[in-house]
PDB file of N, CA and C in Angstrom:
ATOM      1  N   UNK A   1     -64.192 111.971 -24.689  1.00  0.00           N
ATOM      2  CA  UNK A   1     -64.686 111.163 -25.773  1.00  0.00           C
ATOM      3  C   UNK A   1     -64.840 109.720 -25.317  1.00  0.00           C
ATOM      4  N   UNK A   2     -65.763 109.078 -25.933  1.00  0.00           N
ATOM      5  CA  UNK A   2     -65.962 107.683 -25.571  1.00  0.00           C
ATOM      6  C   UNK A   2     -65.003 106.807 -26.356  1.00  0.00           C
ATOM      7  N   UNK A   3     -64.954 105.589 -25.953  1.00  0.00           N
ATOM      8  CA  UNK A   3     -64.067 104.633 -26.594  1.00  0.00           C
ATOM      9  C   UNK A   3     -64.498 104.356 -28.037  1.00  0.00           C
ATOM     10  N   UNK A   4     -65.784 104.417 -28.305  1.00  0.00           N
ATOM     11  CA  UNK A   4     -66.309 104.150 -29.636  1.00  0.00           C
ATOM     12  C   UNK A   4     -65.909 105.257 -30.611  1.00  0.00           C
ATOM     13  N   UNK A   5     -65.904 106.508 -30.144  1.00  0.00           N
ATOM     14  CA  UNK A   5     -65.613 107.631 -31.026  1.00  0.00           C
ATOM     15  C   UNK A   5     -64.145 107.699 -31.419  1.00  0.00           C
ATOM     16  N   UNK A   6     -63.256 107.130 -30.638  1.00  0.00           N
ATOM     17  CA  UNK A   6     -61.833 107.236 -30.940  1.00  0.00           C
ATOM     18  C   UNK A   6     -61.287 106.058 -31.713  1.00  0.00           C
ATOM     19  N   UNK A   7     -62.022 104.968 -31.795  1.00  0.00           N
ATOM     20  CA  UNK A   7     -61.542 103.793 -32.516  1.00  0.00           C
ATOM     21  C   UNK A   7     -61.942 103.881 -33.991  1.00  0.00           C
ATOM     22  N   UNK A   8     -61.004 103.584 -34.904  1.00  0.00           N
ATOM     23  CA  UNK A   8     -61.378 103.571 -36.326  1.00  0.00           C
ATOM     24  C   UNK A   8     -62.253 102.365 -36.636  1.00  0.00           C
ATOM     25  N   UNK A   9     -62.963 102.481 -37.744  1.00  0.00           N
ATOM     26  CA  UNK A   9     -63.801 101.373 -38.167  1.00  0.00           C
ATOM     27  C   UNK A   9     -62.938 100.169 -38.496  1.00  0.00           C
ATOM     28  N   UNK A  10     -63.334  98.995 -38.070  1.00  0.00           N
ATOM     29  CA  UNK A  10     -62.540  97.815 -38.415  1.00  0.00           C
ATOM     30  C   UNK A  10     -62.761  97.444 -39.876  1.00  0.00           C
ATOM     31  N   UNK A  11     -61.692  97.397 -40.634  1.00  0.00           N
ATOM     32  CA  UNK A  11     -61.767  96.966 -42.032  1.00  0.00           C
ATOM     33  C   UNK A  11     -60.696  95.930 -42.267  1.00  0.00           C
ATOM     34  N   UNK A  12     -60.937  95.074 -43.194  1.00  0.00           N
ATOM     35  CA  UNK A  12     -59.926  94.101 -43.574  1.00  0.00           C
ATOM     36  C   UNK A  12     -58.957  94.783 -44.513  1.00  0.00           C
ATOM     37  N   UNK A  13     -57.669  94.568 -44.351  1.00  0.00           N
ATOM     38  CA  UNK A  13     -56.715  95.223 -45.242  1.00  0.00           C
ATOM     39  C   UNK A  13     -56.845  94.711 -46.670  1.00  0.00           C
ATOM     40  N   UNK A  14     -56.812  95.637 -47.609  1.00  0.00           N
ATOM     41  CA  UNK A  14     -56.828  95.262 -49.011  1.00  0.00           C
ATOM     42  C   UNK A  14     -58.160  94.849 -49.555  1.00  0.00           C
ATOM     43  N   UNK A  15     -59.268  95.299 -48.954  1.00  0.00           N
ATOM     44  CA  UNK A  15     -60.569  94.860 -49.441  1.00  0.00           C
ATOM     45  C   UNK A  15     -61.262  95.881 -50.326  1.00  0.00           C
ATOM     46  N   UNK A  16     -61.046  97.170 -50.097  1.00  0.00           N
ATOM     47  CA  UNK A  16     -61.728  98.162 -50.924  1.00  0.00           C
ATOM     48  C   UNK A  16     -60.912  99.438 -50.982  1.00  0.00           C
ATOM     49  N   UNK A  17     -61.201 100.225 -51.985  1.00  0.00           N
ATOM     50  CA  UNK A  17     -60.529 101.503 -52.185  1.00  0.00           C
ATOM     51  C   UNK A  17     -61.560 102.594 -51.935  1.00  0.00           C
ATOM     52  N   UNK A  18     -61.551 103.149 -50.755  1.00  0.00           N
ATOM     53  CA  UNK A  18     -62.477 104.216 -50.355  1.00  0.00           C
ATOM     54  C   UNK A  18     -63.936 103.825 -50.597  1.00  0.00           C
ATOM     55  N   UNK A  19     -64.285 102.595 -50.290  1.00  0.00           N
ATOM     56  CA  UNK A  19     -65.663 102.151 -50.415  1.00  0.00           C
ATOM     57  C   UNK A  19     -65.990 101.467 -51.725  1.00  0.00           C
ATOM     58  N   UNK A  20     -65.074 101.492 -52.674  1.00  0.00           N
ATOM     59  CA  UNK A  20     -65.299 100.830 -53.957  1.00  0.00           C
ATOM     60  C   UNK A  20     -64.507  99.534 -53.982  1.00  0.00           C
ATOM     61  N   UNK A  21     -65.116  98.464 -54.441  1.00  0.00           N
ATOM     62  CA  UNK A  21     -64.410  97.191 -54.499  1.00  0.00           C
ATOM     63  C   UNK A  21     -63.431  97.193 -55.673  1.00  0.00           C
ATOM     64  N   UNK A  22     -62.432  96.349 -55.586  1.00  0.00           N
ATOM     65  CA  UNK A  22     -61.416  96.274 -56.633  1.00  0.00           C
ATOM     66  C   UNK A  22     -62.014  95.866 -57.986  1.00  0.00           C
ATOM     67  N   UNK A  23     -62.896  94.881 -58.037  1.00  0.00           N
ATOM     68  CA  UNK A  23     -63.484  94.557 -59.345  1.00  0.00           C
ATOM     69  C   UNK A  23     -64.272  95.718 -59.955  1.00  0.00           C
ATOM     70  N   UNK A  24     -64.939  96.501 -59.110  1.00  0.00           N
ATOM     71  CA  UNK A  24     -65.678  97.654 -59.623  1.00  0.00           C
ATOM     72  C   UNK A  24     -64.720  98.709 -60.183  1.00  0.00           C
ATOM     73  N   UNK A  25     -63.626  98.962 -59.482  1.00  0.00           N
ATOM     74  CA  UNK A  25     -62.647  99.937 -59.959  1.00  0.00           C
ATOM     75  C   UNK A  25     -62.031  99.465 -61.276  1.00  0.00           C
ATOM     76  N   UNK A  26     -61.715  98.170 -61.363  1.00  0.00           N
ATOM     77  CA  UNK A  26     -61.164  97.641 -62.615  1.00  0.00           C
ATOM     78  C   UNK A  26     -62.182  97.715 -63.750  1.00  0.00           C
ATOM     79  N   UNK A  27     -63.421  97.369 -63.470  1.00  0.00           N
ATOM     80  CA  UNK A  27     -64.460  97.423 -64.502  1.00  0.00           C
ATOM     81  C   UNK A  27     -64.686  98.851 -64.989  1.00  0.00           C
ATOM     82  N   UNK A  28     -64.760  99.778 -64.053  1.00  0.00           N
ATOM     83  CA  UNK A  28     -64.950 101.178 -64.437  1.00  0.00           C
ATOM     84  C   UNK A  28     -63.725 101.735 -65.164  1.00  0.00           C
ATOM     85  N   UNK A  29     -62.533 101.460 -64.641  1.00  0.00           N
ATOM     86  CA  UNK A  29     -61.321 102.048 -65.195  1.00  0.00           C
ATOM     87  C   UNK A  29     -60.865 101.440 -66.498  1.00  0.00           C
ATOM     88  N   UNK A  30     -61.196 100.175 -66.730  1.00  0.00           N
ATOM     89  CA  UNK A  30     -60.725  99.516 -67.944  1.00  0.00           C
ATOM     90  C   UNK A  30     -61.785  99.349 -69.017  1.00  0.00           C
ATOM     91  N   UNK A  31     -63.044  99.470 -68.656  1.00  0.00           N
ATOM     92  CA  UNK A  31     -64.084  99.214 -69.647  1.00  0.00           C
ATOM     93  C   UNK A  31     -65.119 100.337 -69.741  1.00  0.00           C
ATOM     94  N   UNK A  32     -65.803 100.626 -68.686  1.00  0.00           N
ATOM     95  CA  UNK A  32     -66.961 101.531 -68.729  1.00  0.00           C
ATOM     96  C   UNK A  32     -66.552 102.957 -69.101  1.00  0.00           C
ATOM     97  N   UNK A  33     -65.603 103.536 -68.376  1.00  0.00           N
ATOM     98  CA  UNK A  33     -65.215 104.932 -68.622  1.00  0.00           C
ATOM     99  C   UNK A  33     -64.542 105.102 -69.994  1.00  0.00           C
ATOM    100  N   UNK A  34     -63.571 104.232 -70.387  1.00  0.00           N
ATOM    101  CA  UNK A  34     -62.993 104.414 -71.724  1.00  0.00           C
ATOM    102  C   UNK A  34     -64.005 104.249 -72.867  1.00  0.00           C
ATOM    103  N   UNK A  35     -64.899 103.289 -72.741  1.00  0.00           N
ATOM    104  CA  UNK A  35     -65.921 103.117 -73.785  1.00  0.00           C
ATOM    105  C   UNK A  35     -66.866 104.315 -73.799  1.00  0.00           C
ATOM    106  N   UNK A  36     -67.224 104.812 -72.623  1.00  0.00           N
ATOM    107  CA  UNK A  36     -68.074 106.004 -72.554  1.00  0.00           C
ATOM    108  C   UNK A  36     -67.414 107.212 -73.195  1.00  0.00           C
ATOM    109  N   UNK A  37     -66.121 107.392 -72.935  1.00  0.00           N
ATOM    110  CA  UNK A  37     -65.399 108.505 -73.575  1.00  0.00           C
ATOM    111  C   UNK A  37     -65.360 108.352 -75.083  1.00  0.00           C
ATOM    112  N   UNK A  38     -65.146 107.132 -75.540  1.00  0.00           N
ATOM    113  CA  UNK A  38     -65.108 106.894 -76.991  1.00  0.00           C
ATOM    114  C   UNK A  38     -66.470 107.177 -77.623  1.00  0.00           C
ATOM    115  N   UNK A  39     -67.540 106.762 -76.956  1.00  0.00           N
ATOM    116  CA  UNK A  39     -68.872 107.006 -77.505  1.00  0.00           C
ATOM    117  C   UNK A  39     -69.235 108.489 -77.478  1.00  0.00           C
ATOM    118  N   UNK A  40     -68.809 109.182 -76.426  1.00  0.00           N
ATOM    119  CA  UNK A  40     -69.105 110.615 -76.341  1.00  0.00           C
ATOM    120  C   UNK A  40     -68.310 111.434 -77.350  1.00  0.00           C
ATOM    121  N   UNK A  41     -67.147 110.952 -77.745  1.00  0.00           N
ATOM    122  CA  UNK A  41     -66.318 111.722 -78.679  1.00  0.00           C
ATOM    123  C   UNK A  41     -66.582 111.368 -80.138  1.00  0.00           C
ATOM    124  N   UNK A  42     -67.385 110.354 -80.387  1.00  0.00           N
ATOM    125  CA  UNK A  42     -67.662 109.947 -81.763  1.00  0.00           C
ATOM    126  C   UNK A  42     -68.552 110.989 -82.451  1.00  0.00           C
ATOM    127  N   UNK A  43     -68.208 111.360 -83.682  1.00  0.00           N
ATOM    128  CA  UNK A  43     -69.028 112.356 -84.383  1.00  0.00           C
ATOM    129  C   UNK A  43     -70.335 111.744 -84.892  1.00  0.00           C
ATOM    130  N   UNK A  44     -71.327 112.590 -85.059  1.00  0.00           N
ATOM    131  CA  UNK A  44     -72.628 112.121 -85.540  1.00  0.00           C
ATOM    132  C   UNK A  44     -72.595 111.855 -87.043  1.00  0.00           C
ATOM    133  N   UNK A  45     -71.834 112.637 -87.772  1.00  0.00           N
ATOM    134  CA  UNK A  45     -71.753 112.470 -89.215  1.00  0.00           C
ATOM    135  C   UNK A  45     -70.351 112.091 -89.639  1.00  0.00           C
ATOM    136  N   UNK A  46     -69.998 112.549 -90.830  1.00  0.00           N
ATOM    137  CA  UNK A  46     -68.652 112.294 -91.339  1.00  0.00           C
ATOM    138  C   UNK A  46     -67.643 113.083 -90.507  1.00  0.00           C
ATOM    139  N   UNK A  47     -66.583 112.421 -90.038  1.00  0.00           N
ATOM    140  CA  UNK A  47     -65.640 113.121 -89.156  1.00  0.00           C
ATOM    141  C   UNK A  47     -64.777 114.130 -89.909  1.00  0.00           C
ATOM    142  N   UNK A  48     -64.602 115.271 -89.272  1.00  0.00           N
ATOM    143  CA  UNK A  48     -63.694 116.300 -89.777  1.00  0.00           C
ATOM    144  C   UNK A  48     -62.401 116.216 -88.969  1.00  0.00           C
ATOM    145  N   UNK A  49     -61.464 117.104 -89.272  1.00  0.00           N
ATOM    146  CA  UNK A  49     -60.174 117.067 -88.584  1.00  0.00           C
ATOM    147  C   UNK A  49     -60.318 117.252 -87.076  1.00  0.00           C
ATOM    148  N   UNK A  50     -61.178 118.162 -86.653  1.00  0.00           N
ATOM    149  CA  UNK A  50     -61.353 118.374 -85.215  1.00  0.00           C
ATOM    150  C   UNK A  50     -61.981 117.163 -84.539  1.00  0.00           C
ATOM    151  N   UNK A  51     -62.798 116.393 -85.276  1.00  0.00           N
ATOM    152  CA  UNK A  51     -63.374 115.170 -84.718  1.00  0.00           C
ATOM    153  C   UNK A  51     -62.299 114.111 -84.507  1.00  0.00           C
ATOM    154  N   UNK A  52     -61.364 114.024 -85.455  1.00  0.00           N
ATOM    155  CA  UNK A  52     -60.259 113.078 -85.302  1.00  0.00           C
ATOM    156  C   UNK A  52     -59.414 113.421 -84.079  1.00  0.00           C
ATOM    157  N   UNK A  53     -59.167 114.710 -83.867  1.00  0.00           N
ATOM    158  CA  UNK A  53     -58.386 115.132 -82.702  1.00  0.00           C
ATOM    159  C   UNK A  53     -59.145 114.821 -81.418  1.00  0.00           C
ATOM    160  N   UNK A  54     -60.434 115.091 -81.404  1.00  0.00           N
ATOM    161  CA  UNK A  54     -61.250 114.820 -80.223  1.00  0.00           C
ATOM    162  C   UNK A  54     -61.267 113.317 -79.916  1.00  0.00           C
ATOM    163  N   UNK A  55     -61.387 112.474 -80.940  1.00  0.00           N
ATOM    164  CA  UNK A  55     -61.391 111.029 -80.723  1.00  0.00           C
ATOM    165  C   UNK A  55     -60.037 110.546 -80.218  1.00  0.00           C
ATOM    166  N   UNK A  56     -58.952 111.137 -80.720  1.00  0.00           N
ATOM    167  CA  UNK A  56     -57.619 110.748 -80.249  1.00  0.00           C
ATOM    168  C   UNK A  56     -57.428 111.135 -78.785  1.00  0.00           C
ATOM    169  N   UNK A  57     -57.867 112.336 -78.417  1.00  0.00           N
ATOM    170  CA  UNK A  57     -57.748 112.753 -77.026  1.00  0.00           C
ATOM    171  C   UNK A  57     -58.607 111.877 -76.115  1.00  0.00           C
ATOM    172  N   UNK A  58     -59.775 111.494 -76.554  1.00  0.00           N
ATOM    173  CA  UNK A  58     -60.626 110.607 -75.755  1.00  0.00           C
ATOM    174  C   UNK A  58     -59.972 109.237 -75.592  1.00  0.00           C
ATOM    175  N   UNK A  59     -59.334 108.753 -76.634  1.00  0.00           N
ATOM    176  CA  UNK A  59     -58.635 107.476 -76.556  1.00  0.00           C
ATOM    177  C   UNK A  59     -57.468 107.542 -75.571  1.00  0.00           C
ATOM    178  N   UNK A  60     -56.702 108.610 -75.643  1.00  0.00           N
ATOM    179  CA  UNK A  60     -55.587 108.785 -74.707  1.00  0.00           C
ATOM    180  C   UNK A  60     -56.099 108.932 -73.278  1.00  0.00           C
ATOM    181  N   UNK A  61     -57.185 109.655 -73.086  1.00  0.00           N
ATOM    182  CA  UNK A  61     -57.751 109.818 -71.745  1.00  0.00           C
ATOM    183  C   UNK A  61     -58.244 108.473 -71.202  1.00  0.00           C
ATOM    184  N   UNK A  62     -58.888 107.691 -72.044  1.00  0.00           N
ATOM    185  CA  UNK A  62     -59.352 106.372 -71.611  1.00  0.00           C
ATOM    186  C   UNK A  62     -58.202 105.452 -71.228  1.00  0.00           C
ATOM    187  N   UNK A  63     -57.132 105.472 -72.017  1.00  0.00           N
ATOM    188  CA  UNK A  63     -55.957 104.664 -71.695  1.00  0.00           C
ATOM    189  C   UNK A  63     -55.300 105.134 -70.403  1.00  0.00           C
ATOM    190  N   UNK A  64     -55.238 106.430 -70.208  1.00  0.00           N
ATOM    191  CA  UNK A  64     -54.647 106.972 -68.989  1.00  0.00           C
ATOM    192  C   UNK A  64     -55.468 106.583 -67.770  1.00  0.00           C
ATOM    193  N   UNK A  65     -56.776 106.619 -67.884  1.00  0.00           N
ATOM    194  CA  UNK A  65     -57.643 106.205 -66.784  1.00  0.00           C
ATOM    195  C   UNK A  65     -57.424 104.730 -66.462  1.00  0.00           C
ATOM    196  N   UNK A  66     -57.231 103.911 -67.490  1.00  0.00           N
ATOM    197  CA  UNK A  66     -56.951 102.493 -67.263  1.00  0.00           C
ATOM    198  C   UNK A  66     -55.652 102.276 -66.513  1.00  0.00           C
ATOM    199  N   UNK A  67     -54.609 103.000 -66.904  1.00  0.00           N
ATOM    200  CA  UNK A  67     -53.316 102.871 -66.223  1.00  0.00           C
ATOM    201  C   UNK A  67     -53.423 103.341 -64.779  1.00  0.00           C
ATOM    202  N   UNK A  68     -54.054 104.478 -64.579  1.00  0.00           N
ATOM    203  CA  UNK A  68     -54.181 105.019 -63.221  1.00  0.00           C
ATOM    204  C   UNK A  68     -55.000 104.086 -62.330  1.00  0.00           C
ATOM    205  N   UNK A  69     -56.018 103.456 -62.868  1.00  0.00           N
ATOM    206  CA  UNK A  69     -56.850 102.579 -62.041  1.00  0.00           C
ATOM    207  C   UNK A  69     -56.077 101.348 -61.579  1.00  0.00           C
ATOM    208  N   UNK A  70     -55.313 100.704 -62.466  1.00  0.00           N
ATOM    209  CA  UNK A  70     -54.594  99.502 -62.034  1.00  0.00           C
ATOM    210  C   UNK A  70     -53.402  99.842 -61.138  1.00  0.00           C
ATOM    211  N   UNK A  71     -52.683 100.913 -61.453  1.00  0.00           N
ATOM    212  CA  UNK A  71     -51.557 101.303 -60.600  1.00  0.00           C
ATOM    213  C   UNK A  71     -52.081 101.805 -59.251  1.00  0.00           C
ATOM    214  N   UNK A  72     -53.192 102.515 -59.263  1.00  0.00           N
ATOM    215  CA  UNK A  72     -53.788 102.970 -58.010  1.00  0.00           C
ATOM    216  C   UNK A  72     -54.217 101.813 -57.127  1.00  0.00           C
ATOM    217  N   UNK A  73     -54.805 100.777 -57.721  1.00  0.00           N
ATOM    218  CA  UNK A  73     -55.187  99.605 -56.931  1.00  0.00           C
ATOM    219  C   UNK A  73     -53.956  98.891 -56.378  1.00  0.00           C
ATOM    220  N   UNK A  74     -52.892  98.807 -57.169  1.00  0.00           N
ATOM    221  CA  UNK A  74     -51.671  98.178 -56.693  1.00  0.00           C
ATOM    222  C   UNK A  74     -51.074  98.952 -55.518  1.00  0.00           C
ATOM    223  N   UNK A  75     -50.989 100.266 -55.650  1.00  0.00           N
ATOM    224  CA  UNK A  75     -50.456 101.091 -54.566  1.00  0.00           C
ATOM    225  C   UNK A  75     -51.349 100.990 -53.332  1.00  0.00           C
ATOM    226  N   UNK A  76     -52.650 100.962 -53.530  1.00  0.00           N
ATOM    227  CA  UNK A  76     -53.574 100.830 -52.399  1.00  0.00           C
ATOM    228  C   UNK A  76     -53.337  99.520 -51.663  1.00  0.00           C
ATOM    229  N   UNK A  77     -53.130  98.449 -52.377  1.00  0.00           N
ATOM    230  CA  UNK A  77     -52.884  97.156 -51.737  1.00  0.00           C
ATOM    231  C   UNK A  77     -51.560  97.156 -50.987  1.00  0.00           C
ATOM    232  N   UNK A  78     -50.550  97.812 -51.548  1.00  0.00           N
ATOM    233  CA  UNK A  78     -49.255  97.874 -50.862  1.00  0.00           C
ATOM    234  C   UNK A  78     -49.363  98.710 -49.592  1.00  0.00           C
ATOM    235  N   UNK A  79     -50.027  99.858 -49.682  1.00  0.00           N
ATOM    236  CA  UNK A  79     -50.160 100.741 -48.524  1.00  0.00           C
ATOM    237  C   UNK A  79     -50.976 100.086 -47.419  1.00  0.00           C
ATOM    238  N   UNK A  80     -52.007  99.365 -47.791  1.00  0.00           N
ATOM    239  CA  UNK A  80     -52.852  98.703 -46.796  1.00  0.00           C
ATOM    240  C   UNK A  80     -52.246  97.404 -46.281  1.00  0.00           C
ATOM    241  N   UNK A  81     -51.076  97.053 -46.766  1.00  0.00           N
ATOM    242  CA  UNK A  81     -50.354  95.850 -46.338  1.00  0.00           C
ATOM    243  C   UNK A  81     -51.205  94.591 -46.519  1.00  0.00           C
ATOM    244  N   UNK A  82     -51.694  94.432 -47.730  1.00  0.00           N
ATOM    245  CA  UNK A  82     -52.474  93.245 -48.051  1.00  0.00           C
ATOM    246  C   UNK A  82     -51.527  92.044 -48.113  1.00  0.00           C
ATOM    247  N   UNK A  83     -52.088  90.878 -48.287  1.00  0.00           N
ATOM    248  CA  UNK A  83     -51.265  89.666 -48.345  1.00  0.00           C
ATOM    249  C   UNK A  83     -50.378  89.694 -49.585  1.00  0.00           C
ATOM    250  N   UNK A  84     -49.314  88.925 -49.536  1.00  0.00           N
ATOM    251  CA  UNK A  84     -48.359  88.903 -50.641  1.00  0.00           C
ATOM    252  C   UNK A  84     -49.009  88.402 -51.928  1.00  0.00           C
ATOM    253  N   UNK A  85     -49.932  87.469 -51.818  1.00  0.00           N
ATOM    254  CA  UNK A  85     -50.590  86.953 -53.018  1.00  0.00           C
ATOM    255  C   UNK A  85     -51.482  88.006 -53.665  1.00  0.00           C
ATOM    256  N   UNK A  86     -52.139  88.820 -52.858  1.00  0.00           N
ATOM    257  CA  UNK A  86     -52.979  89.892 -53.394  1.00  0.00           C
ATOM    258  C   UNK A  86     -52.130  90.951 -54.089  1.00  0.00           C
ATOM    259  N   UNK A  87     -51.027  91.313 -53.466  1.00  0.00           N
ATOM    260  CA  UNK A  87     -50.130  92.294 -54.082  1.00  0.00           C
ATOM    261  C   UNK A  87     -49.551  91.739 -55.376  1.00  0.00           C
ATOM    262  N   UNK A  88     -49.183  90.468 -55.374  1.00  0.00           N
ATOM    263  CA  UNK A  88     -48.645  89.853 -56.587  1.00  0.00           C
ATOM    264  C   UNK A  88     -49.686  89.820 -57.701  1.00  0.00           C
ATOM    265  N   UNK A  89     -50.930  89.523 -57.348  1.00  0.00           N
ATOM    266  CA  UNK A  89     -52.006  89.495 -58.346  1.00  0.00           C
ATOM    267  C   UNK A  89     -52.192  90.870 -58.985  1.00  0.00           C
ATOM    268  N   UNK A  90     -52.239  91.921 -58.161  1.00  0.00           N
ATOM    269  CA  UNK A  90     -52.425  93.256 -58.703  1.00  0.00           C
ATOM    270  C   UNK A  90     -51.179  93.744 -59.449  1.00  0.00           C
ATOM    271  N   UNK A  91     -50.002  93.263 -59.061  1.00  0.00           N
ATOM    272  CA  UNK A  91     -48.781  93.608 -59.799  1.00  0.00           C
ATOM    273  C   UNK A  91     -48.811  92.983 -61.186  1.00  0.00           C
ATOM    274  N   UNK A  92     -49.273  91.744 -61.281  1.00  0.00           N
ATOM    275  CA  UNK A  92     -49.381  91.085 -62.598  1.00  0.00           C
ATOM    276  C   UNK A  92     -50.407  91.806 -63.465  1.00  0.00           C
ATOM    277  N   UNK A  93     -51.531  92.170 -62.865  1.00  0.00           N
ATOM    278  CA  UNK A  93     -52.555  92.906 -63.622  1.00  0.00           C
ATOM    279  C   UNK A  93     -51.987  94.230 -64.121  1.00  0.00           C
ATOM    280  N   UNK A  94     -51.256  94.942 -63.260  1.00  0.00           N
ATOM    281  CA  UNK A  94     -50.662  96.220 -63.667  1.00  0.00           C
ATOM    282  C   UNK A  94     -49.606  96.020 -64.742  1.00  0.00           C
ATOM    283  N   UNK A  95     -48.828  94.941 -64.655  1.00  0.00           N
ATOM    284  CA  UNK A  95     -47.792  94.681 -65.659  1.00  0.00           C
ATOM    285  C   UNK A  95     -48.386  94.260 -67.002  1.00  0.00           C
ATOM    286  N   UNK A  96     -49.591  93.774 -67.002  1.00  0.00           N
ATOM    287  CA  UNK A  96     -50.260  93.436 -68.264  1.00  0.00           C
ATOM    288  C   UNK A  96     -50.975  94.656 -68.835  1.00  0.00           C
ATOM    289  N   UNK A  97     -51.686  95.384 -67.987  1.00  0.00           N
ATOM    290  CA  UNK A  97     -52.532  96.482 -68.449  1.00  0.00           C
ATOM    291  C   UNK A  97     -51.716  97.705 -68.866  1.00  0.00           C
ATOM    292  N   UNK A  98     -50.694  98.063 -68.102  1.00  0.00           N
ATOM    293  CA  UNK A  98     -49.940  99.294 -68.403  1.00  0.00           C
ATOM    294  C   UNK A  98     -49.300  99.270 -69.794  1.00  0.00           C
ATOM    295  N   UNK A  99     -48.563  98.225 -70.184  1.00  0.00           N
ATOM    296  CA  UNK A  99     -48.025  98.229 -71.558  1.00  0.00           C
ATOM    297  C   UNK A  99     -49.114  98.178 -72.628  1.00  0.00           C
ATOM    298  N   UNK A 100     -50.195  97.469 -72.336  1.00  0.00           N
ATOM    299  CA  UNK A 100     -51.301  97.392 -73.281  1.00  0.00           C
ATOM    300  C   UNK A 100     -51.900  98.777 -73.505  1.00  0.00           C
ATOM    301  N   UNK A 101     -52.111  99.526 -72.436  1.00  0.00           N
ATOM    302  CA  UNK A 101     -52.684 100.869 -72.553  1.00  0.00           C
ATOM    303  C   UNK A 101     -51.674 101.843 -73.170  1.00  0.00           C
ATOM    304  N   UNK A 102     -50.397 101.689 -72.862  1.00  0.00           N
ATOM    305  CA  UNK A 102     -49.383 102.546 -73.485  1.00  0.00           C
ATOM    306  C   UNK A 102     -49.313 102.308 -74.993  1.00  0.00           C
ATOM    307  N   UNK A 103     -49.494 101.065 -75.405  1.00  0.00           N
ATOM    308  CA  UNK A 103     -49.545 100.812 -76.850  1.00  0.00           C
ATOM    309  C   UNK A 103     -50.816 101.396 -77.457  1.00  0.00           C
ATOM    310  N   UNK A 104     -51.889 101.448 -76.669  1.00  0.00           N
ATOM    311  CA  UNK A 104     -53.111 102.111 -77.137  1.00  0.00           C
ATOM    312  C   UNK A 104     -52.906 103.605 -77.340  1.00  0.00           C
ATOM    313  N   UNK A 105     -52.125 104.232 -76.464  1.00  0.00           N
ATOM    314  CA  UNK A 105     -51.809 105.652 -76.620  1.00  0.00           C
ATOM    315  C   UNK A 105     -50.966 105.869 -77.865  1.00  0.00           C
ATOM    316  N   UNK A 106     -49.971 105.001 -78.080  1.00  0.00           N
ATOM    317  CA  UNK A 106     -49.134 105.117 -79.282  1.00  0.00           C
ATOM    318  C   UNK A 106     -49.967 104.883 -80.542  1.00  0.00           C
ATOM    319  N   UNK A 107     -50.892 103.926 -80.474  1.00  0.00           N
ATOM    320  CA  UNK A 107     -51.761 103.669 -81.624  1.00  0.00           C
ATOM    321  C   UNK A 107     -52.683 104.835 -81.916  1.00  0.00           C
ATOM    322  N   UNK A 108     -53.145 105.511 -80.882  1.00  0.00           N
ATOM    323  CA  UNK A 108     -54.015 106.679 -81.087  1.00  0.00           C
ATOM    324  C   UNK A 108     -53.251 107.797 -81.778  1.00  0.00           C
ATOM    325  N   UNK A 109     -51.994 107.993 -81.403  1.00  0.00           N
ATOM    326  CA  UNK A 109     -51.210 109.046 -82.057  1.00  0.00           C
ATOM    327  C   UNK A 109     -50.918 108.684 -83.507  1.00  0.00           C
ATOM    328  N   UNK A 110     -50.595 107.424 -83.761  1.00  0.00           N
ATOM    329  CA  UNK A 110     -50.351 107.000 -85.157  1.00  0.00           C
ATOM    330  C   UNK A 110     -51.610 107.134 -86.000  1.00  0.00           C
ATOM    331  N   UNK A 111     -52.733 106.744 -85.460  1.00  0.00           N
ATOM    332  CA  UNK A 111     -53.992 106.828 -86.193  1.00  0.00           C
ATOM    333  C   UNK A 111     -54.382 108.288 -86.459  1.00  0.00           C
ATOM    334  N   UNK A 112     -54.135 109.148 -85.492  1.00  0.00           N
ATOM    335  CA  UNK A 112     -54.431 110.577 -85.678  1.00  0.00           C
ATOM    336  C   UNK A 112     -53.582 111.150 -86.797  1.00  0.00           C
ATOM    337  N   UNK A 113     -52.292 110.842 -86.804  1.00  0.00           N
ATOM    338  CA  UNK A 113     -51.414 111.349 -87.869  1.00  0.00           C
ATOM    339  C   UNK A 113     -51.827 110.794 -89.233  1.00  0.00           C
ATOM    340  N   UNK A 114     -52.244 109.551 -89.286  1.00  0.00           N
ATOM    341  CA  UNK A 114     -52.671 108.956 -90.559  1.00  0.00           C
ATOM    342  C   UNK A 114     -53.971 109.613 -91.052  1.00  0.00           C
ATOM    343  N   UNK A 115     -54.908 109.844 -90.136  1.00  0.00           N
ATOM    344  CA  UNK A 115     -56.195 110.419 -90.539  1.00  0.00           C
ATOM    345  C   UNK A 115     -56.074 111.895 -90.925  1.00  0.00           C
ATOM    346  N   UNK A 116     -55.111 112.583 -90.325  1.00  0.00           N
ATOM    347  CA  UNK A 116     -54.897 113.985 -90.683  1.00  0.00           C
ATOM    348  C   UNK A 116     -53.940 114.136 -91.859  1.00  0.00           C
ATOM    349  N   UNK A 117     -53.462 113.015 -92.359  1.00  0.00           N
ATOM    350  CA  UNK A 117     -52.516 112.990 -93.501  1.00  0.00           C
ATOM    351  C   UNK A 117     -51.272 113.798 -93.212  1.00  0.00           C
ATOM    352  N   UNK A 118     -50.693 113.621 -92.033  1.00  0.00           N
ATOM    353  CA  UNK A 118     -49.471 114.311 -91.659  1.00  0.00           C
ATOM    354  C   UNK A 118     -48.300 113.371 -91.683  1.00  0.00           C
TER     355      UNK A 118
END
């Protein structure tokens, strides 16, 4: 084998997650995908009980995707041995987003129980 074939591609540590930039992952995980799930689960007419359940599951899925995206970016930065400031920035983002999304999951369950009159 030649020297070129055995050397890995030079990348800067902490710059991207499998080809996706961190801002793109945050935008997709915190905004685009959850809003898309909410729009796809919205009923066309008056919602019935199964529509309320579908909307609650979509809300929980969107919140879970948000948590996974920020924690995944934090773990990626730690594994790639990024600078301490970058790791601290993503840790702060994860510490803000995770409780916010967990409260969104709790709110979805409360709203589902209220709408189903349980």
